[in-house]
N, C-alpha and C. Protein backbone atom coordinates (compact mmCIF):
# COMPACT_ATOMS: atom_id res chain seq x y z
N UNK A 1 101.75 264.49 139.38
CA UNK A 1 101.87 264.33 140.83
C UNK A 1 101.59 262.95 141.10
N UNK A 2 102.37 262.27 141.80
CA UNK A 2 102.09 260.76 142.29
C UNK A 2 101.23 260.88 143.53
N UNK A 3 100.29 259.92 143.34
CA UNK A 3 99.06 259.91 144.22
C UNK A 3 99.07 258.77 144.94
N UNK A 4 98.63 258.75 146.28
CA UNK A 4 98.64 257.54 147.05
C UNK A 4 97.74 256.45 146.49
N UNK A 5 98.15 255.20 146.50
CA UNK A 5 97.48 254.13 146.02
C UNK A 5 96.52 253.60 147.50
N UNK A 6 95.31 253.52 147.17
CA UNK A 6 94.57 252.93 148.29
C UNK A 6 94.50 251.38 148.49
N UNK A 7 94.80 251.15 149.75
CA UNK A 7 95.14 249.69 150.05
C UNK A 7 93.87 248.76 150.42
N UNK A 8 94.02 247.55 150.35
CA UNK A 8 93.06 246.53 150.57
C UNK A 8 92.29 246.94 151.86
N UNK A 9 91.06 246.78 152.01
CA UNK A 9 90.34 247.29 153.17
C UNK A 9 89.77 248.45 153.09
N UNK A 10 90.18 249.25 152.20
CA UNK A 10 89.56 250.73 152.08
C UNK A 10 88.30 250.71 151.45
N UNK A 11 87.23 251.28 152.24
CA UNK A 11 85.91 251.23 151.58
C UNK A 11 85.67 251.64 150.14
N UNK A 12 86.43 252.42 149.69
CA UNK A 12 86.23 252.95 148.28
C UNK A 12 86.44 251.85 147.32
N UNK A 13 87.35 251.10 147.65
CA UNK A 13 87.82 249.97 146.68
C UNK A 13 86.66 248.97 146.37
N UNK A 14 85.67 249.23 147.28
CA UNK A 14 84.36 248.23 147.25
C UNK A 14 83.21 248.89 146.65
N UNK A 15 83.34 250.02 146.29
CA UNK A 15 82.21 250.76 145.80
C UNK A 15 82.18 250.48 144.20
N UNK A 16 80.81 250.55 143.72
CA UNK A 16 80.78 250.51 142.11
C UNK A 16 80.91 251.86 141.60
N UNK A 17 81.92 252.15 140.75
CA UNK A 17 82.08 253.30 140.18
C UNK A 17 81.00 253.98 139.00
N UNK A 18 81.17 255.18 138.99
CA UNK A 18 80.07 256.05 138.22
C UNK A 18 80.55 256.51 136.79
N UNK A 19 79.75 256.32 135.75
CA UNK A 19 80.10 257.01 134.47
C UNK A 19 80.31 258.39 134.62
N UNK A 20 81.15 259.17 133.86
CA UNK A 20 81.30 260.45 133.76
C UNK A 20 80.99 261.04 132.39
N UNK A 21 80.97 262.51 132.43
CA UNK A 21 80.78 263.19 131.21
C UNK A 21 82.09 263.92 130.90
N UNK A 22 82.12 264.43 129.81
CA UNK A 22 83.27 265.26 129.39
C UNK A 22 83.74 266.26 130.20
N UNK A 23 82.68 266.92 131.04
CA UNK A 23 82.96 268.14 131.76
C UNK A 23 83.44 267.58 133.22
N UNK A 24 83.80 266.35 133.44
CA UNK A 24 84.19 265.87 134.71
C UNK A 24 85.37 266.85 135.20
N UNK A 25 85.48 267.53 136.29
CA UNK A 25 86.21 268.33 136.67
C UNK A 25 87.85 267.71 136.81
N UNK A 26 88.84 268.39 136.06
CA UNK A 26 90.31 267.90 136.50
C UNK A 26 90.59 266.45 135.79
N UNK A 27 89.69 266.08 134.76
CA UNK A 27 89.88 264.91 134.27
C UNK A 27 91.33 264.38 133.54
N UNK A 28 91.86 265.35 132.81
CA UNK A 28 93.18 265.35 132.32
C UNK A 28 94.24 265.30 133.32
N UNK A 29 94.10 266.21 134.27
CA UNK A 29 95.04 266.05 135.37
C UNK A 29 94.99 264.80 136.09
N UNK A 30 94.01 264.11 136.18
CA UNK A 30 93.76 262.84 137.16
C UNK A 30 94.38 261.84 136.23
N UNK A 31 94.13 261.69 134.74
CA UNK A 31 94.70 260.80 134.00
C UNK A 31 96.27 260.94 134.07
N UNK A 32 96.74 262.28 133.77
CA UNK A 32 98.09 262.32 133.95
C UNK A 32 98.78 262.05 135.29
N UNK A 33 98.14 262.13 136.35
CA UNK A 33 98.47 261.78 137.73
C UNK A 33 98.48 260.25 137.86
N UNK A 34 97.41 259.65 137.28
CA UNK A 34 97.48 258.26 137.26
C UNK A 34 98.37 257.55 136.39
N UNK A 35 98.89 258.20 135.39
CA UNK A 35 99.85 257.30 134.62
C UNK A 35 101.37 257.54 135.40
N UNK A 36 101.57 258.89 136.15
CA UNK A 36 102.67 259.09 136.85
C UNK A 36 102.86 257.95 138.01
N UNK A 37 101.60 257.95 138.72
CA UNK A 37 101.50 256.86 139.91
C UNK A 37 101.73 255.67 139.45
N UNK A 38 101.17 255.20 138.32
CA UNK A 38 101.28 253.74 137.98
C UNK A 38 102.70 253.54 137.60
N UNK A 39 103.65 254.35 136.96
CA UNK A 39 104.95 254.23 136.49
C UNK A 39 105.73 254.28 137.91
N UNK A 40 105.38 255.10 138.70
CA UNK A 40 106.26 255.15 139.92
C UNK A 40 106.20 253.93 140.66
N UNK A 41 104.99 253.20 140.66
CA UNK A 41 104.72 251.99 141.31
C UNK A 41 104.90 250.68 140.61
N UNK A 42 105.38 250.88 139.53
CA UNK A 42 105.74 249.68 138.47
C UNK A 42 104.53 248.89 138.20
N UNK A 43 103.42 249.53 137.97
CA UNK A 43 102.40 248.66 137.65
C UNK A 43 102.17 248.70 136.14
N UNK A 44 101.26 247.81 135.59
CA UNK A 44 100.72 248.02 134.48
C UNK A 44 99.48 248.35 134.13
N UNK A 45 98.73 248.82 135.29
CA UNK A 45 97.43 249.20 135.02
C UNK A 45 96.97 249.80 136.42
N UNK A 46 96.12 250.77 136.24
CA UNK A 46 95.62 251.49 137.56
C UNK A 46 94.14 251.92 137.30
N UNK A 47 93.30 251.70 138.30
CA UNK A 47 91.96 252.12 138.06
C UNK A 47 91.74 253.52 139.03
N UNK A 48 90.79 254.31 138.67
CA UNK A 48 90.57 255.50 139.41
C UNK A 48 90.17 255.26 140.78
N UNK A 49 89.46 254.24 141.09
CA UNK A 49 89.05 254.03 142.57
C UNK A 49 90.33 253.70 143.39
N UNK A 50 91.37 253.21 142.66
CA UNK A 50 92.68 253.01 143.53
C UNK A 50 93.42 254.16 144.01
N UNK A 51 93.00 255.28 143.45
CA UNK A 51 93.63 256.63 143.78
C UNK A 51 92.52 257.61 144.41
N UNK A 52 91.31 257.06 144.65
CA UNK A 52 90.46 257.85 145.49
C UNK A 52 89.25 258.48 144.64
N UNK A 53 89.25 258.05 143.49
CA UNK A 53 88.10 258.60 142.31
C UNK A 53 87.17 257.64 142.19
N UNK A 54 85.86 257.57 142.52
CA UNK A 54 84.74 256.72 142.31
C UNK A 54 84.31 256.81 140.82
N UNK A 55 85.08 256.71 139.77
CA UNK A 55 84.51 256.84 138.52
C UNK A 55 85.17 255.71 137.83
N UNK A 56 84.27 255.44 136.44
CA UNK A 56 84.61 254.28 135.66
C UNK A 56 85.73 254.82 134.65
N UNK A 57 87.23 254.70 135.23
CA UNK A 57 88.07 255.07 134.35
C UNK A 57 89.34 254.28 134.88
N UNK A 58 90.01 253.61 134.01
CA UNK A 58 91.29 253.02 134.15
C UNK A 58 92.24 253.18 133.04
N UNK A 59 93.78 253.11 133.25
CA UNK A 59 94.56 253.14 132.34
C UNK A 59 95.43 251.98 132.35
N UNK A 60 96.04 251.71 131.20
CA UNK A 60 97.15 250.55 131.06
C UNK A 60 98.26 251.06 130.47
N UNK A 61 99.19 250.24 130.54
CA UNK A 61 100.51 250.22 129.67
C UNK A 61 101.07 248.86 130.02
N UNK A 62 100.73 248.20 128.98
CA UNK A 62 101.26 246.72 128.99
C UNK A 62 102.32 246.49 128.41
N UNK A 63 103.50 247.25 128.26
CA UNK A 63 104.49 247.16 127.45
C UNK A 63 105.39 245.98 128.20
N UNK A 64 105.20 245.77 129.51
CA UNK A 64 106.13 244.52 129.87
C UNK A 64 105.59 243.18 129.39
N UNK A 65 104.41 243.07 128.75
CA UNK A 65 103.94 242.04 128.00
C UNK A 65 103.85 242.11 126.72
N UNK A 66 104.75 243.03 126.10
CA UNK A 66 104.68 243.15 124.68
C UNK A 66 105.01 242.06 123.89
N UNK A 67 105.65 241.19 124.26
CA UNK A 67 106.06 240.00 123.57
C UNK A 67 104.84 238.97 123.38
N UNK A 68 104.25 238.97 124.56
CA UNK A 68 102.85 238.16 124.42
C UNK A 68 101.75 238.80 123.75
N UNK A 69 101.62 239.97 123.63
CA UNK A 69 100.74 240.82 123.04
C UNK A 69 100.86 241.22 121.80
N UNK A 70 101.98 241.44 121.35
CA UNK A 70 102.42 241.67 120.01
C UNK A 70 101.98 243.08 119.56
N UNK A 71 101.59 243.07 118.37
CA UNK A 71 101.14 244.40 117.63
C UNK A 71 99.69 244.36 117.65
N UNK A 72 98.85 243.57 117.86
CA UNK A 72 97.65 243.37 117.84
C UNK A 72 96.77 244.59 118.35
N UNK A 73 97.19 244.93 119.67
CA UNK A 73 96.53 245.99 120.29
C UNK A 73 97.64 247.26 120.71
N UNK A 74 96.96 248.56 120.86
CA UNK A 74 97.81 249.51 121.56
C UNK A 74 98.31 249.08 122.81
N UNK A 75 99.31 249.14 123.32
CA UNK A 75 99.90 248.67 124.51
C UNK A 75 99.51 249.73 125.86
N UNK A 76 99.30 250.91 125.30
CA UNK A 76 98.92 251.93 126.35
C UNK A 76 97.58 252.48 125.80
N UNK A 77 96.70 252.46 127.01
CA UNK A 77 95.30 252.96 126.73
C UNK A 77 94.74 253.69 127.85
N UNK A 78 93.71 254.53 127.55
CA UNK A 78 92.92 255.28 128.58
C UNK A 78 91.64 254.73 128.37
N UNK A 79 90.86 254.16 129.41
CA UNK A 79 89.31 253.74 129.25
C UNK A 79 88.42 254.28 130.11
N UNK A 80 87.48 254.83 129.57
CA UNK A 80 86.53 255.75 130.23
C UNK A 80 85.21 255.26 130.07
N UNK A 81 84.28 255.07 131.22
CA UNK A 81 82.91 254.52 131.20
C UNK A 81 82.75 253.30 130.49
N UNK A 82 83.80 252.40 130.77
CA UNK A 82 83.96 250.99 130.25
C UNK A 82 82.96 250.05 130.57
N UNK A 83 82.30 249.27 129.93
CA UNK A 83 81.35 248.25 130.08
C UNK A 83 81.75 246.98 129.29
N UNK A 84 82.02 245.90 130.12
CA UNK A 84 82.32 244.68 129.23
C UNK A 84 81.03 243.97 129.09
N UNK A 85 80.81 243.43 127.78
CA UNK A 85 79.33 243.04 127.77
C UNK A 85 79.45 241.65 127.21
N UNK A 86 80.67 241.12 127.10
CA UNK A 86 80.62 239.57 126.54
C UNK A 86 82.12 239.19 127.07
N UNK A 87 82.16 238.09 127.72
CA UNK A 87 83.37 237.32 128.03
C UNK A 87 83.07 235.88 127.62
N UNK A 88 84.33 235.32 126.78
CA UNK A 88 84.04 233.98 126.23
C UNK A 88 85.31 233.18 126.22
N UNK A 89 85.23 231.93 125.92
CA UNK A 89 86.46 231.08 125.99
C UNK A 89 86.72 230.27 127.02
N UNK A 90 87.62 229.34 127.02
CA UNK A 90 87.99 228.50 128.12
C UNK A 90 89.02 229.37 129.11
N UNK A 91 88.47 229.54 130.22
CA UNK A 91 89.05 230.04 131.32
C UNK A 91 90.49 229.63 131.42
N UNK A 92 91.54 230.59 131.75
CA UNK A 92 93.00 230.19 131.93
C UNK A 92 93.50 230.83 133.17
N UNK A 93 94.39 230.33 133.71
CA UNK A 93 94.82 230.92 134.97
C UNK A 93 96.33 231.41 134.78
N UNK A 94 96.39 232.51 135.66
CA UNK A 94 97.74 233.30 135.57
C UNK A 94 97.84 233.95 136.78
N UNK A 95 98.99 234.24 137.40
CA UNK A 95 99.33 234.86 138.53
C UNK A 95 99.23 236.37 138.55
N UNK A 96 98.54 236.90 139.36
CA UNK A 96 98.30 238.30 139.46
C UNK A 96 98.62 239.05 140.61
N UNK A 97 98.90 240.25 140.50
CA UNK A 97 99.22 240.97 141.66
C UNK A 97 98.46 242.46 141.46
N UNK A 98 98.56 243.15 142.50
CA UNK A 98 97.64 244.44 142.37
C UNK A 98 98.38 245.54 143.21
N UNK A 99 98.33 246.65 142.61
CA UNK A 99 99.17 247.77 143.52
C UNK A 99 98.37 248.00 144.96
N UNK A 100 97.00 247.80 144.89
CA UNK A 100 96.18 247.87 146.25
C UNK A 100 96.44 246.81 147.18
N UNK A 101 97.13 245.66 146.61
CA UNK A 101 97.33 244.53 147.47
C UNK A 101 98.87 244.23 147.30
N UNK A 102 99.76 244.92 147.93
CA UNK A 102 101.10 244.76 147.64
C UNK A 102 101.52 243.54 148.33
N UNK A 103 102.62 243.02 147.59
CA UNK A 103 103.45 241.90 148.29
C UNK A 103 102.54 240.58 148.04
N UNK A 104 101.23 240.49 147.55
CA UNK A 104 100.49 239.11 147.42
C UNK A 104 100.33 239.08 145.90
N UNK A 105 100.50 237.64 145.51
CA UNK A 105 100.33 237.47 143.93
C UNK A 105 99.58 236.03 144.05
N UNK A 106 98.63 235.87 143.41
CA UNK A 106 97.78 234.71 143.37
C UNK A 106 97.43 234.22 141.91
N UNK A 107 97.24 233.03 141.82
CA UNK A 107 96.60 232.46 140.50
C UNK A 107 95.15 232.92 140.33
N UNK A 108 94.81 233.55 139.28
CA UNK A 108 93.31 233.96 138.98
C UNK A 108 92.86 233.29 137.60
N UNK A 109 91.82 232.80 137.57
CA UNK A 109 91.21 232.16 136.38
C UNK A 109 90.31 233.37 135.95
N UNK A 110 90.50 233.68 134.56
CA UNK A 110 89.76 234.44 133.65
C UNK A 110 89.45 234.04 132.33
N UNK A 111 88.44 234.60 131.69
CA UNK A 111 88.18 234.03 130.32
C UNK A 111 89.15 234.86 129.46
N UNK A 112 89.56 234.30 128.38
CA UNK A 112 90.44 234.72 127.48
C UNK A 112 90.10 235.68 126.50
N UNK A 113 88.70 235.94 126.20
CA UNK A 113 88.33 236.96 125.25
C UNK A 113 87.03 237.74 125.89
N UNK A 114 87.06 239.20 125.46
CA UNK A 114 86.18 239.98 126.16
C UNK A 114 85.76 240.92 124.97
N UNK A 115 84.53 241.56 125.11
CA UNK A 115 84.16 242.65 124.25
C UNK A 115 83.64 243.58 125.16
N UNK A 116 83.88 244.97 124.73
CA UNK A 116 83.45 245.97 125.72
C UNK A 116 83.29 247.48 124.84
N UNK A 117 82.38 248.03 125.52
CA UNK A 117 82.13 249.58 124.99
C UNK A 117 82.88 250.45 126.08
N UNK A 118 83.27 251.42 125.54
CA UNK A 118 84.00 252.63 126.17
C UNK A 118 84.30 253.85 125.32
N UNK A 119 84.65 255.11 126.13
CA UNK A 119 85.02 256.02 125.43
C UNK A 119 86.49 256.26 125.69
N UNK A 120 87.03 256.97 124.71
CA UNK A 120 88.42 257.46 125.00
C UNK A 120 88.56 258.59 125.56
N UNK A 121 89.66 259.22 125.76
CA UNK A 121 89.98 260.64 126.59
C UNK A 121 89.16 261.73 125.89
N UNK A 122 88.90 261.67 124.48
CA UNK A 122 88.21 262.55 123.72
C UNK A 122 86.64 262.28 123.66
N UNK A 123 86.35 261.34 124.48
CA UNK A 123 84.92 260.91 124.69
C UNK A 123 84.17 260.30 123.43
N UNK A 124 85.09 259.71 122.57
CA UNK A 124 84.44 259.31 121.35
C UNK A 124 84.13 257.75 121.75
N UNK A 125 82.98 257.37 121.32
CA UNK A 125 82.52 256.09 121.78
C UNK A 125 83.13 254.81 120.84
N UNK A 126 83.75 253.93 121.68
CA UNK A 126 84.42 252.82 120.89
C UNK A 126 83.70 251.45 121.45
N UNK A 127 84.07 250.49 120.62
CA UNK A 127 83.65 249.13 120.92
C UNK A 127 84.83 248.37 120.52
N UNK A 128 85.28 247.56 121.57
CA UNK A 128 86.55 246.57 120.99
C UNK A 128 86.61 245.09 121.49
N UNK A 129 87.21 244.24 120.95
CA UNK A 129 87.39 242.99 121.51
C UNK A 129 88.84 242.87 121.67
N UNK A 130 89.09 242.14 122.93
CA UNK A 130 90.48 241.91 123.36
C UNK A 130 90.64 240.46 123.82
N UNK A 131 91.79 240.00 123.53
CA UNK A 131 92.05 238.53 124.01
C UNK A 131 93.55 238.42 124.69
N UNK A 132 93.58 237.23 125.25
CA UNK A 132 94.78 236.96 125.93
C UNK A 132 95.21 237.72 127.08
N UNK A 133 96.52 238.13 127.07
CA UNK A 133 97.14 239.02 128.03
C UNK A 133 96.33 240.22 128.20
N UNK A 134 96.16 240.95 127.21
CA UNK A 134 95.42 242.36 127.08
C UNK A 134 93.98 242.06 127.75
N UNK A 135 93.26 240.98 127.46
CA UNK A 135 92.03 240.98 127.94
C UNK A 135 92.18 240.90 129.60
N UNK A 136 93.18 240.14 129.96
CA UNK A 136 93.29 239.85 131.44
C UNK A 136 93.69 241.18 132.18
N UNK A 137 94.55 241.98 131.61
CA UNK A 137 95.02 243.17 132.24
C UNK A 137 93.52 243.93 132.25
N UNK A 138 92.84 244.20 131.28
CA UNK A 138 91.57 244.83 131.29
C UNK A 138 90.53 244.51 132.18
N UNK A 139 90.37 242.97 132.22
CA UNK A 139 89.50 242.59 133.25
C UNK A 139 89.86 242.82 134.72
N UNK A 140 91.17 242.78 134.97
CA UNK A 140 91.60 243.07 136.40
C UNK A 140 91.22 244.45 136.85
N UNK A 141 91.59 245.41 135.77
CA UNK A 141 91.35 246.94 136.19
C UNK A 141 89.92 247.13 136.10
N UNK A 142 89.13 246.48 135.08
CA UNK A 142 87.67 246.53 135.07
C UNK A 142 86.92 246.35 136.37
N UNK A 143 87.61 245.22 137.00
CA UNK A 143 86.99 244.60 138.21
C UNK A 143 87.09 245.84 139.22
N UNK A 144 87.98 246.69 139.30
CA UNK A 144 88.10 247.68 140.38
C UNK A 144 87.05 248.64 140.02
N UNK A 145 86.63 248.89 138.96
CA UNK A 145 85.24 249.85 138.76
C UNK A 145 84.01 249.11 139.28
N UNK A 146 83.99 247.78 139.50
CA UNK A 146 82.75 247.18 140.16
C UNK A 146 82.97 246.81 141.57
N UNK A 147 84.02 247.37 142.21
CA UNK A 147 84.24 246.87 143.55
C UNK A 147 84.93 245.58 144.01
N UNK A 148 85.46 245.07 142.79
CA UNK A 148 86.04 243.49 142.77
C UNK A 148 87.43 243.65 142.87
N UNK A 149 88.12 242.89 143.78
CA UNK A 149 89.64 242.81 143.70
C UNK A 149 90.26 241.28 143.46
N UNK A 150 91.32 241.28 142.77
CA UNK A 150 91.52 239.85 142.35
C UNK A 150 91.64 238.74 143.27
N UNK A 151 91.65 239.13 144.75
CA UNK A 151 91.55 238.08 145.72
C UNK A 151 90.12 237.52 145.93
N UNK A 152 89.14 238.22 145.38
CA UNK A 152 87.85 237.78 145.33
C UNK A 152 87.66 236.56 144.38
N UNK A 153 88.70 236.38 143.53
CA UNK A 153 88.66 235.31 142.59
C UNK A 153 89.31 234.07 143.11
N UNK A 154 89.88 234.07 144.27
CA UNK A 154 90.71 232.90 144.77
C UNK A 154 89.70 232.08 145.54
N UNK A 155 90.25 230.94 145.78
CA UNK A 155 89.29 230.00 146.63
C UNK A 155 89.05 230.58 148.25
N UNK A 156 88.16 230.16 148.94
CA UNK A 156 88.01 230.69 150.21
C UNK A 156 89.03 230.06 151.26
N UNK A 157 89.42 228.86 150.81
CA UNK A 157 90.58 228.34 151.60
C UNK A 157 91.97 229.17 151.49
N UNK A 158 92.03 229.70 150.08
CA UNK A 158 93.33 230.27 149.89
C UNK A 158 93.26 231.83 150.54
N UNK A 159 92.09 232.36 150.47
CA UNK A 159 91.82 233.74 151.07
C UNK A 159 92.13 233.68 152.49
N UNK A 160 91.55 232.46 153.11
CA UNK A 160 91.76 232.36 154.53
C UNK A 160 93.24 232.38 154.99
N UNK A 161 94.03 231.44 154.10
CA UNK A 161 95.48 231.61 154.28
C UNK A 161 96.07 232.78 154.01
N UNK A 162 95.51 233.81 153.27
CA UNK A 162 96.21 235.04 153.01
C UNK A 162 95.61 236.22 154.24
N UNK A 163 94.61 235.69 155.05
CA UNK A 163 94.14 236.64 156.05
C UNK A 163 94.97 237.45 156.72
N UNK A 164 96.09 236.96 157.25
CA UNK A 164 97.02 237.82 158.05
C UNK A 164 97.68 238.86 157.25
N UNK A 165 98.13 238.37 156.11
CA UNK A 165 98.88 239.38 155.11
C UNK A 165 97.76 240.45 154.62
N UNK A 166 96.62 240.02 154.33
CA UNK A 166 95.68 241.14 153.85
C UNK A 166 95.35 241.94 155.00
N UNK A 167 95.36 241.71 156.16
CA UNK A 167 95.19 242.57 157.33
C UNK A 167 96.33 243.24 157.64
N UNK A 168 97.55 242.81 157.28
CA UNK A 168 98.44 243.86 157.41
C UNK A 168 98.55 244.88 156.51
N UNK A 169 98.11 244.65 155.37
CA UNK A 169 97.68 245.94 154.22
C UNK A 169 96.56 246.81 154.94
N UNK A 170 95.52 246.44 155.41
CA UNK A 170 94.57 247.10 156.07
C UNK A 170 94.98 248.02 157.10
N UNK A 171 96.03 247.53 158.02
CA UNK A 171 96.70 248.30 158.96
C UNK A 171 97.85 249.06 158.78
N UNK A 172 98.30 248.94 157.44
CA UNK A 172 99.53 249.62 157.03
C UNK A 172 100.77 249.07 157.28
N UNK A 173 100.88 247.75 157.59
CA UNK A 173 102.00 247.15 158.05
C UNK A 173 102.77 246.59 156.63
N UNK A 174 102.76 247.29 155.58
CA UNK A 174 103.47 246.84 154.33
C UNK A 174 104.30 247.93 154.11
N UNK A 175 105.33 247.92 153.24
CA UNK A 175 106.06 248.91 152.76
C UNK A 175 106.50 248.42 151.15
N UNK A 176 105.50 248.92 150.38
CA UNK A 176 105.52 248.54 148.87
C UNK A 176 106.57 249.29 148.14
N UNK A 177 107.15 250.51 148.68
CA UNK A 177 107.94 251.34 148.10
C UNK A 177 107.31 252.37 147.19
N UNK A 178 105.81 252.55 147.39
CA UNK A 178 105.25 253.75 146.98
C UNK A 178 104.12 254.23 147.91
N UNK A 179 103.60 255.40 147.79
CA UNK A 179 102.83 255.98 148.80
C UNK A 179 101.29 255.14 148.65
N UNK A 180 100.84 254.73 149.87
CA UNK A 180 99.57 254.32 149.90
C UNK A 180 98.88 254.93 151.00
N UNK A 181 97.50 254.82 150.82
CA UNK A 181 96.55 255.12 151.81
C UNK A 181 95.82 253.90 152.28
N UNK A 182 95.89 253.71 153.80
CA UNK A 182 95.53 252.59 154.23
C UNK A 182 94.00 252.75 154.91
N UNK A 183 93.16 251.62 155.17
CA UNK A 183 92.10 251.72 155.56
C UNK A 183 91.91 252.03 157.18
N UNK A 184 92.79 251.19 157.97
CA UNK A 184 92.87 251.52 159.20
C UNK A 184 94.25 251.51 159.85
N UNK A 185 95.17 252.41 159.42
CA UNK A 185 96.65 252.38 159.61
C UNK A 185 96.86 252.60 161.36
N UNK A 186 97.86 251.46 161.59
CA UNK A 186 98.13 251.42 162.96
C UNK A 186 99.59 251.92 162.93
N UNK A 187 100.02 252.31 164.14
CA UNK A 187 101.62 252.90 164.29
C UNK A 187 102.30 251.71 164.40
N UNK A 188 103.62 251.69 163.50
CA UNK A 188 104.29 250.55 163.86
C UNK A 188 105.23 250.49 165.06
């Protein structure tokens, strides 16, 4: 089932997500629905808070970046109870977008290497290192688990210039081509 994506301004997007246990109700169905939602929205990642679940879960399918990533990492993944414990390297800039902030793309600076602990869908504990584009995608989705959005990484001047467009998202004055839940929808 395709779920509505929570838009910029929705209070759930600013909450810190909680770790879960294997008995979390409906977890596999949520994961399946998140993949369906991500693909229908043409995204490469989706965090549970973006679909209304305040839990430390995100999914990715980085296939569009296969050429940059190569075969170093699996392109598709499920990351539960993720905690990044190390970021390193010379920060690099890349233009990012977000399903919760449709029609806006901005340059974001991130560090190129991360180390993290997480569990997979079988709740097997894992520790991994990622770099380059895969690290960036993971950092973007991981930010959602801590209530951080990519626009929080842009300068205050740039954010001020985006204010009207961000307010349009808050009030539902955008049509991204996928279902959304807005913070303060106004009739058009």
